[in-house]
Amino acid sequence: MTEIRTERLLLRDWRESDLSPWAAMNADPEVREHLGPLLTAEQAAASARSFQADLDRLGYGFWAVEVRAGGAFVGFAGLDRVDEGVPVTGVEAGWRLARSAWGHGYATEAARAVLRYGFDTVGLPEILAITTATNLRSQAVMRRLGMTTDPADDFDDPEVDSGPLRRQVVYRKRAGERSASGGRPRSAGR
């Protein structure tokens, strides 16, 4: 079991107690705005179990994110292989937080730890982040992480017919690149 600790967060294995707040998050239209249809409680539970299976099998995946002060579950952050059928390949960093956790810097803090883990522990040469062209909040996180984008990498999601979820933007960061703050990545705590 791998846990990643940051100043305020714990990225950890999934627990049964996470399933109800995870389902509530995925039934929230604002949380799902850039992701597609709302999930049923059963679909949300299945996704959490799949995330845990990846963590167990690969040693990385999407960890549950908990606020260390008080222990509240607030979402997920982690790494996953880019879906087949997408015109880019590699490992992608991702995060999803409950609305109550927005605006506290948790996404950036968790994603920064995920990048360190991916580079320092997994040994990845590069990590991607992909989101819709309209998801400006996630793109702001990507820029704060020191990730860069090249419009030539952007693509239309082959699983979306039309609308604001179709156009996807790709951000990248290579191992050893400085963060947006100018500092070098530090090792993730465990």
C-alpha atoms as a PDB file:
ATOM      1  CA  MET A   1       0.000   0.000   0.000  1.00  0.00           C
ATOM      2  CA  THR A   2       1.457   3.321  -1.091  1.00  0.00           C
ATOM      3  CA  GLU A   3       0.371   6.501   0.605  1.00  0.00           C
ATOM      4  CA  ILE A   4       1.523   9.959  -0.391  1.00  0.00           C
ATOM      5  CA  ARG A   5       1.462  12.705   2.202  1.00  0.00           C
ATOM      6  CA  THR A   6       1.586  16.398   1.443  1.00  0.00           C
ATOM      7  CA  GLU A   7       1.391  19.299   3.842  1.00  0.00           C
ATOM      8  CA  ARG A   8      -2.418  19.128   3.978  1.00  0.00           C
ATOM      9  CA  LEU A   9      -3.455  15.980   2.119  1.00  0.00           C
ATOM     10  CA  LEU A  10      -3.194  12.212   2.227  1.00  0.00           C
ATOM     11  CA  LEU A  11      -3.415  10.259  -1.030  1.00  0.00           C
ATOM     12  CA  ARG A  12      -4.347   6.735   0.000  1.00  0.00           C
ATOM     13  CA  ASP A  13      -6.143   3.504  -0.849  1.00  0.00           C
ATOM     14  CA  TRP A  14      -9.908   3.594  -1.267  1.00  0.00           C
ATOM     15  CA  ARG A  15     -12.206   2.674   1.644  1.00  0.00           C
ATOM     16  CA  GLU A  16     -15.829   1.589   1.747  1.00  0.00           C
ATOM     17  CA  SER A  17     -16.571   4.850   3.584  1.00  0.00           C
ATOM     18  CA  ASP A  18     -15.429   6.775   0.461  1.00  0.00           C
ATOM     19  CA  LEU A  19     -18.138   5.292  -1.758  1.00  0.00           C
ATOM     20  CA  SER A  20     -21.039   7.466  -0.611  1.00  0.00           C
ATOM     21  CA  PRO A  21     -19.237  10.840  -0.925  1.00  0.00           C
ATOM     22  CA  TRP A  22     -17.658   9.621  -4.197  1.00  0.00           C
ATOM     23  CA  ALA A  23     -21.126   8.805  -5.560  1.00  0.00           C
ATOM     24  CA  ALA A  24     -22.423  12.216  -4.442  1.00  0.00           C
ATOM     25  CA  MET A  25     -19.529  13.956  -6.239  1.00  0.00           C
ATOM     26  CA  ASN A  26     -20.243  12.092  -9.455  1.00  0.00           C
ATOM     27  CA  ALA A  27     -23.945  12.932  -9.243  1.00  0.00           C
ATOM     28  CA  ASP A  28     -23.091  16.656  -9.035  1.00  0.00           C
ATOM     29  CA  PRO A  29     -23.560  18.383 -12.426  1.00  0.00           C
ATOM     30  CA  GLU A  30     -20.897  21.008 -11.611  1.00  0.00           C
ATOM     31  CA  VAL A  31     -18.287  18.361 -10.770  1.00  0.00           C
ATOM     32  CA  ARG A  32     -19.169  16.436 -13.956  1.00  0.00           C
ATOM     33  CA  GLU A  33     -19.433  19.541 -16.180  1.00  0.00           C
ATOM     34  CA  HIS A  34     -16.270  18.698 -18.175  1.00  0.00           C
ATOM     35  CA  LEU A  35     -16.484  14.912 -17.794  1.00  0.00           C
ATOM     36  CA  GLY A  36     -19.752  13.825 -19.332  1.00  0.00           C
ATOM     37  CA  PRO A  37     -22.918  12.261 -17.931  1.00  0.00           C
ATOM     38  CA  LEU A  38     -23.602  11.933 -14.221  1.00  0.00           C
ATOM     39  CA  LEU A  39     -22.773   8.553 -12.700  1.00  0.00           C
ATOM     40  CA  THR A  40     -25.167   6.369 -10.741  1.00  0.00           C
ATOM     41  CA  ALA A  41     -24.080   5.203  -7.300  1.00  0.00           C
ATOM     42  CA  GLU A  42     -23.345   1.784  -8.807  1.00  0.00           C
ATOM     43  CA  GLN A  43     -21.174   3.262 -11.585  1.00  0.00           C
ATOM     44  CA  ALA A  44     -19.292   5.417  -9.073  1.00  0.00           C
ATOM     45  CA  ALA A  45     -18.652   2.424  -6.787  1.00  0.00           C
ATOM     46  CA  ALA A  46     -17.425   0.368  -9.748  1.00  0.00           C
ATOM     47  CA  SER A  47     -15.005   3.138 -10.751  1.00  0.00           C
ATOM     48  CA  ALA A  48     -13.595   3.362  -7.204  1.00  0.00           C
ATOM     49  CA  ARG A  49     -13.077  -0.402  -7.116  1.00  0.00           C
ATOM     50  CA  SER A  50     -11.346  -0.238 -10.503  1.00  0.00           C
ATOM     51  CA  PHE A  51      -9.069   2.550  -9.239  1.00  0.00           C
ATOM     52  CA  GLN A  52      -8.117   0.416  -6.218  1.00  0.00           C
ATOM     53  CA  ALA A  53      -7.427  -2.596  -8.450  1.00  0.00           C
ATOM     54  CA  ASP A  54      -5.022  -0.454 -10.517  1.00  0.00           C
ATOM     55  CA  LEU A  55      -3.262   0.737  -7.353  1.00  0.00           C
ATOM     56  CA  ASP A  56      -2.879  -2.863  -6.194  1.00  0.00           C
ATOM     57  CA  ARG A  57      -1.692  -4.126  -9.589  1.00  0.00           C
ATOM     58  CA  LEU A  58       0.511  -1.260 -10.831  1.00  0.00           C
ATOM     59  CA  GLY A  59       1.603   0.539  -7.682  1.00  0.00           C
ATOM     60  CA  TYR A  60       0.030   3.717  -9.040  1.00  0.00           C
ATOM     61  CA  GLY A  61      -3.389   4.831 -10.196  1.00  0.00           C
ATOM     62  CA  PHE A  62      -6.039   7.149  -8.796  1.00  0.00           C
ATOM     63  CA  TRP A  63      -5.664   7.470  -5.027  1.00  0.00           C
ATOM     64  CA  ALA A  64      -8.456   8.662  -2.767  1.00  0.00           C
ATOM     65  CA  VAL A  65      -7.653  12.157  -1.451  1.00  0.00           C
ATOM     66  CA  GLU A  66      -8.284  12.983   2.176  1.00  0.00           C
ATOM     67  CA  VAL A  67      -7.741  16.262   4.005  1.00  0.00           C
ATOM     68  CA  ARG A  68      -5.346  15.376   6.833  1.00  0.00           C
ATOM     69  CA  ALA A  69      -6.915  17.856   9.251  1.00  0.00           C
ATOM     70  CA  GLY A  70     -10.193  16.090  10.017  1.00  0.00           C
ATOM     71  CA  GLY A  71      -9.855  13.156   7.615  1.00  0.00           C
ATOM     72  CA  ALA A  72     -12.530  14.241   5.112  1.00  0.00           C
ATOM     73  CA  PHE A  73     -12.571  12.419   1.768  1.00  0.00           C
ATOM     74  CA  VAL A  74     -12.563  15.085  -0.973  1.00  0.00           C
ATOM     75  CA  GLY A  75     -11.934  13.225  -4.243  1.00  0.00           C
ATOM     76  CA  PHE A  76      -9.112  11.583  -6.159  1.00  0.00           C
ATOM     77  CA  ALA A  77      -5.754  12.322  -7.758  1.00  0.00           C
ATOM     78  CA  GLY A  78      -3.324  10.054  -9.526  1.00  0.00           C
ATOM     79  CA  LEU A  79      -1.883   8.566 -12.666  1.00  0.00           C
ATOM     80  CA  ASP A  80      -3.404   6.428 -15.408  1.00  0.00           C
ATOM     81  CA  ARG A  81      -2.442   5.264 -18.866  1.00  0.00           C
ATOM     82  CA  VAL A  82      -3.997   7.399 -21.594  1.00  0.00           C
ATOM     83  CA  ASP A  83      -7.094   5.697 -23.035  1.00  0.00           C
ATOM     84  CA  GLU A  84      -6.735   3.694 -26.230  1.00  0.00           C
ATOM     85  CA  GLY A  85      -8.140   5.418 -29.291  1.00  0.00           C
ATOM     86  CA  VAL A  86      -6.742   8.793 -28.253  1.00  0.00           C
ATOM     87  CA  PRO A  87      -4.067  10.202 -30.588  1.00  0.00           C
ATOM     88  CA  VAL A  88      -1.524  10.647 -27.767  1.00  0.00           C
ATOM     89  CA  THR A  89       0.076   7.960 -25.627  1.00  0.00           C
ATOM     90  CA  GLY A  90       1.662   7.880 -22.215  1.00  0.00           C
ATOM     91  CA  VAL A  91       0.653   8.259 -18.602  1.00  0.00           C
ATOM     92  CA  GLU A  92      -1.740  10.987 -17.580  1.00  0.00           C
ATOM     93  CA  ALA A  93      -2.120  12.823 -14.267  1.00  0.00           C
ATOM     94  CA  GLY A  94      -5.701  13.445 -13.212  1.00  0.00           C
ATOM     95  CA  TRP A  95      -7.714  14.795 -10.315  1.00  0.00           C
ATOM     96  CA  ARG A  96     -11.347  15.309  -9.358  1.00  0.00           C
ATOM     97  CA  LEU A  97     -12.500  17.042  -6.210  1.00  0.00           C
ATOM     98  CA  ALA A  98     -15.845  17.689  -4.545  1.00  0.00           C
ATOM     99  CA  ARG A  99     -17.075  21.268  -4.934  1.00  0.00           C
ATOM    100  CA  SER A 100     -16.538  21.843  -1.211  1.00  0.00           C
ATOM    101  CA  ALA A 101     -12.796  21.283  -1.825  1.00  0.00           C
ATOM    102  CA  TRP A 102     -12.509  23.742  -4.731  1.00  0.00           C
ATOM    103  CA  GLY A 103     -10.573  26.963  -4.251  1.00  0.00           C
ATOM    104  CA  HIS A 104      -8.244  25.676  -1.512  1.00  0.00           C
ATOM    105  CA  GLY A 105      -5.306  24.694  -3.711  1.00  0.00           C
ATOM    106  CA  TYR A 106      -5.881  20.987  -3.044  1.00  0.00           C
ATOM    107  CA  ALA A 107      -5.883  20.014  -6.748  1.00  0.00           C
ATOM    108  CA  THR A 108      -2.492  21.649  -7.310  1.00  0.00           C
ATOM    109  CA  GLU A 109      -1.063  20.199  -4.090  1.00  0.00           C
ATOM    110  CA  ALA A 110      -2.272  16.676  -4.871  1.00  0.00           C
ATOM    111  CA  ALA A 111      -1.230  16.846  -8.535  1.00  0.00           C
ATOM    112  CA  ARG A 112       2.236  18.132  -7.617  1.00  0.00           C
ATOM    113  CA  ALA A 113       2.686  15.100  -5.341  1.00  0.00           C
ATOM    114  CA  VAL A 114       1.409  12.787  -8.082  1.00  0.00           C
ATOM    115  CA  LEU A 115       3.941  14.197 -10.563  1.00  0.00           C
ATOM    116  CA  ARG A 116       6.792  13.700  -8.079  1.00  0.00           C
ATOM    117  CA  TYR A 117       5.683  10.116  -7.489  1.00  0.00           C
ATOM    118  CA  GLY A 118       5.410   9.452 -11.215  1.00  0.00           C
ATOM    119  CA  PHE A 119       8.861  10.829 -11.950  1.00  0.00           C
ATOM    120  CA  ASP A 120      10.772   9.780  -8.820  1.00  0.00           C
ATOM    121  CA  THR A 121       9.185   6.436  -7.924  1.00  0.00           C
ATOM    122  CA  VAL A 122       7.655   5.087 -11.143  1.00  0.00           C
ATOM    123  CA  GLY A 123      10.451   6.542 -13.291  1.00  0.00           C
ATOM    124  CA  LEU A 124       8.222   8.039 -15.960  1.00  0.00           C
ATOM    125  CA  PRO A 125      10.043  10.198 -18.521  1.00  0.00           C
ATOM    126  CA  GLU A 126       6.960  12.357 -19.149  1.00  0.00           C
ATOM    127  CA  ILE A 127       3.485  12.877 -17.679  1.00  0.00           C
ATOM    128  CA  LEU A 128       0.512  14.263 -19.598  1.00  0.00           C
ATOM    129  CA  ALA A 129      -2.673  15.958 -18.467  1.00  0.00           C
ATOM    130  CA  ILE A 130      -5.703  16.077 -20.754  1.00  0.00           C
ATOM    131  CA  THR A 131      -8.922  18.030 -20.321  1.00  0.00           C
ATOM    132  CA  THR A 132     -11.617  19.715 -22.359  1.00  0.00           C
ATOM    133  CA  ALA A 133     -10.739  23.005 -24.029  1.00  0.00           C
ATOM    134  CA  THR A 134     -13.440  24.634 -21.875  1.00  0.00           C
ATOM    135  CA  ASN A 135     -12.079  23.382 -18.522  1.00  0.00           C
ATOM    136  CA  LEU A 136     -10.124  26.505 -17.639  1.00  0.00           C
ATOM    137  CA  ARG A 137      -9.808  25.631 -13.931  1.00  0.00           C
ATOM    138  CA  SER A 138      -7.961  22.372 -14.661  1.00  0.00           C
ATOM    139  CA  GLN A 139      -5.816  24.091 -17.273  1.00  0.00           C
ATOM    140  CA  ALA A 140      -4.826  26.669 -14.645  1.00  0.00           C
ATOM    141  CA  VAL A 141      -3.713  23.806 -12.356  1.00  0.00           C
ATOM    142  CA  MET A 142      -1.692  22.324 -15.221  1.00  0.00           C
ATOM    143  CA  ARG A 143       0.100  25.634 -15.775  1.00  0.00           C
ATOM    144  CA  ARG A 144       0.799  25.994 -12.020  1.00  0.00           C
ATOM    145  CA  LEU A 145       2.437  22.553 -12.199  1.00  0.00           C
ATOM    146  CA  GLY A 146       4.792  23.823 -14.891  1.00  0.00           C
ATOM    147  CA  MET A 147       3.104  21.791 -17.613  1.00  0.00           C
ATOM    148  CA  THR A 148       3.110  23.184 -21.135  1.00  0.00           C
ATOM    149  CA  THR A 149       0.822  22.756 -24.106  1.00  0.00           C
ATOM    150  CA  ASP A 150       1.286  22.674 -27.853  1.00  0.00           C
ATOM    151  CA  PRO A 151      -1.929  23.224 -29.837  1.00  0.00           C
ATOM    152  CA  ALA A 152      -0.670  20.691 -32.392  1.00  0.00           C
ATOM    153  CA  ASP A 153      -1.294  17.966 -29.742  1.00  0.00           C
ATOM    154  CA  ASP A 154      -4.932  18.957 -29.128  1.00  0.00           C
ATOM    155  CA  PHE A 155      -7.577  16.630 -30.528  1.00  0.00           C
ATOM    156  CA  ASP A 156     -11.280  15.896 -30.799  1.00  0.00           C
ATOM    157  CA  ASP A 157     -12.391  13.106 -28.462  1.00  0.00           C
ATOM    158  CA  PRO A 158     -13.447  10.225 -30.709  1.00  0.00           C
ATOM    159  CA  GLU A 159     -16.119   9.163 -28.190  1.00  0.00           C
ATOM    160  CA  VAL A 160     -17.906  12.545 -28.206  1.00  0.00           C
ATOM    161  CA  ASP A 161     -20.025  13.478 -31.231  1.00  0.00           C
ATOM    162  CA  SER A 162     -20.091  17.258 -30.784  1.00  0.00           C
ATOM    163  CA  GLY A 163     -20.324  19.991 -28.185  1.00  0.00           C
ATOM    164  CA  PRO A 164     -18.043  21.501 -25.552  1.00  0.00           C
ATOM    165  CA  LEU A 165     -16.676  18.127 -24.346  1.00  0.00           C
ATOM    166  CA  ARG A 166     -15.314  17.132 -27.763  1.00  0.00           C
ATOM    167  CA  ARG A 167     -12.173  19.315 -28.039  1.00  0.00           C
ATOM    168  CA  GLN A 168      -9.375  18.134 -25.749  1.00  0.00           C
ATOM    169  CA  VAL A 169      -6.171  19.966 -24.831  1.00  0.00           C
ATOM    170  CA  VAL A 170      -2.965  18.165 -23.900  1.00  0.00           C
ATOM    171  CA  TYR A 171      -0.407  19.448 -21.399  1.00  0.00           C
ATOM    172  CA  ARG A 172       2.971  17.802 -20.810  1.00  0.00           C
ATOM    173  CA  LYS A 173       5.776  17.812 -18.313  1.00  0.00           C
ATOM    174  CA  ARG A 174       9.041  15.935 -18.707  1.00  0.00           C
ATOM    175  CA  ALA A 175      11.093  14.527 -15.840  1.00  0.00           C
ATOM    176  CA  GLY A 176      13.561  17.078 -14.516  1.00  0.00           C
ATOM    177  CA  GLU A 177      11.724  20.145 -15.808  1.00  0.00           C
ATOM    178  CA  ARG A 178      11.420  22.915 -13.287  1.00  0.00           C
ATOM    179  CA  SER A 179       8.050  23.662 -11.749  1.00  0.00           C
ATOM    180  CA  ALA A 180       6.243  26.907 -12.509  1.00  0.00           C
ATOM    181  CA  SER A 181       7.646  28.325  -9.253  1.00  0.00           C
ATOM    182  CA  GLY A 182      11.170  27.705 -10.562  1.00  0.00           C
ATOM    183  CA  GLY A 183      12.052  25.024  -8.034  1.00  0.00           C
ATOM    184  CA  ARG A 184      13.014  21.471  -8.833  1.00  0.00           C
ATOM    185  CA  PRO A 185      10.536  18.717  -7.933  1.00  0.00           C
ATOM    186  CA  ARG A 186      10.978  17.302  -4.422  1.00  0.00           C
ATOM    187  CA  SER A 187      10.516  13.679  -3.402  1.00  0.00           C
ATOM    188  CA  ALA A 188       7.029  12.736  -2.321  1.00  0.00           C
ATOM    189  CA  GLY A 189       6.509  11.902   1.334  1.00  0.00           C
ATOM    190  CA  ARG A 190       4.983   8.595   2.306  1.00  0.00           C
END
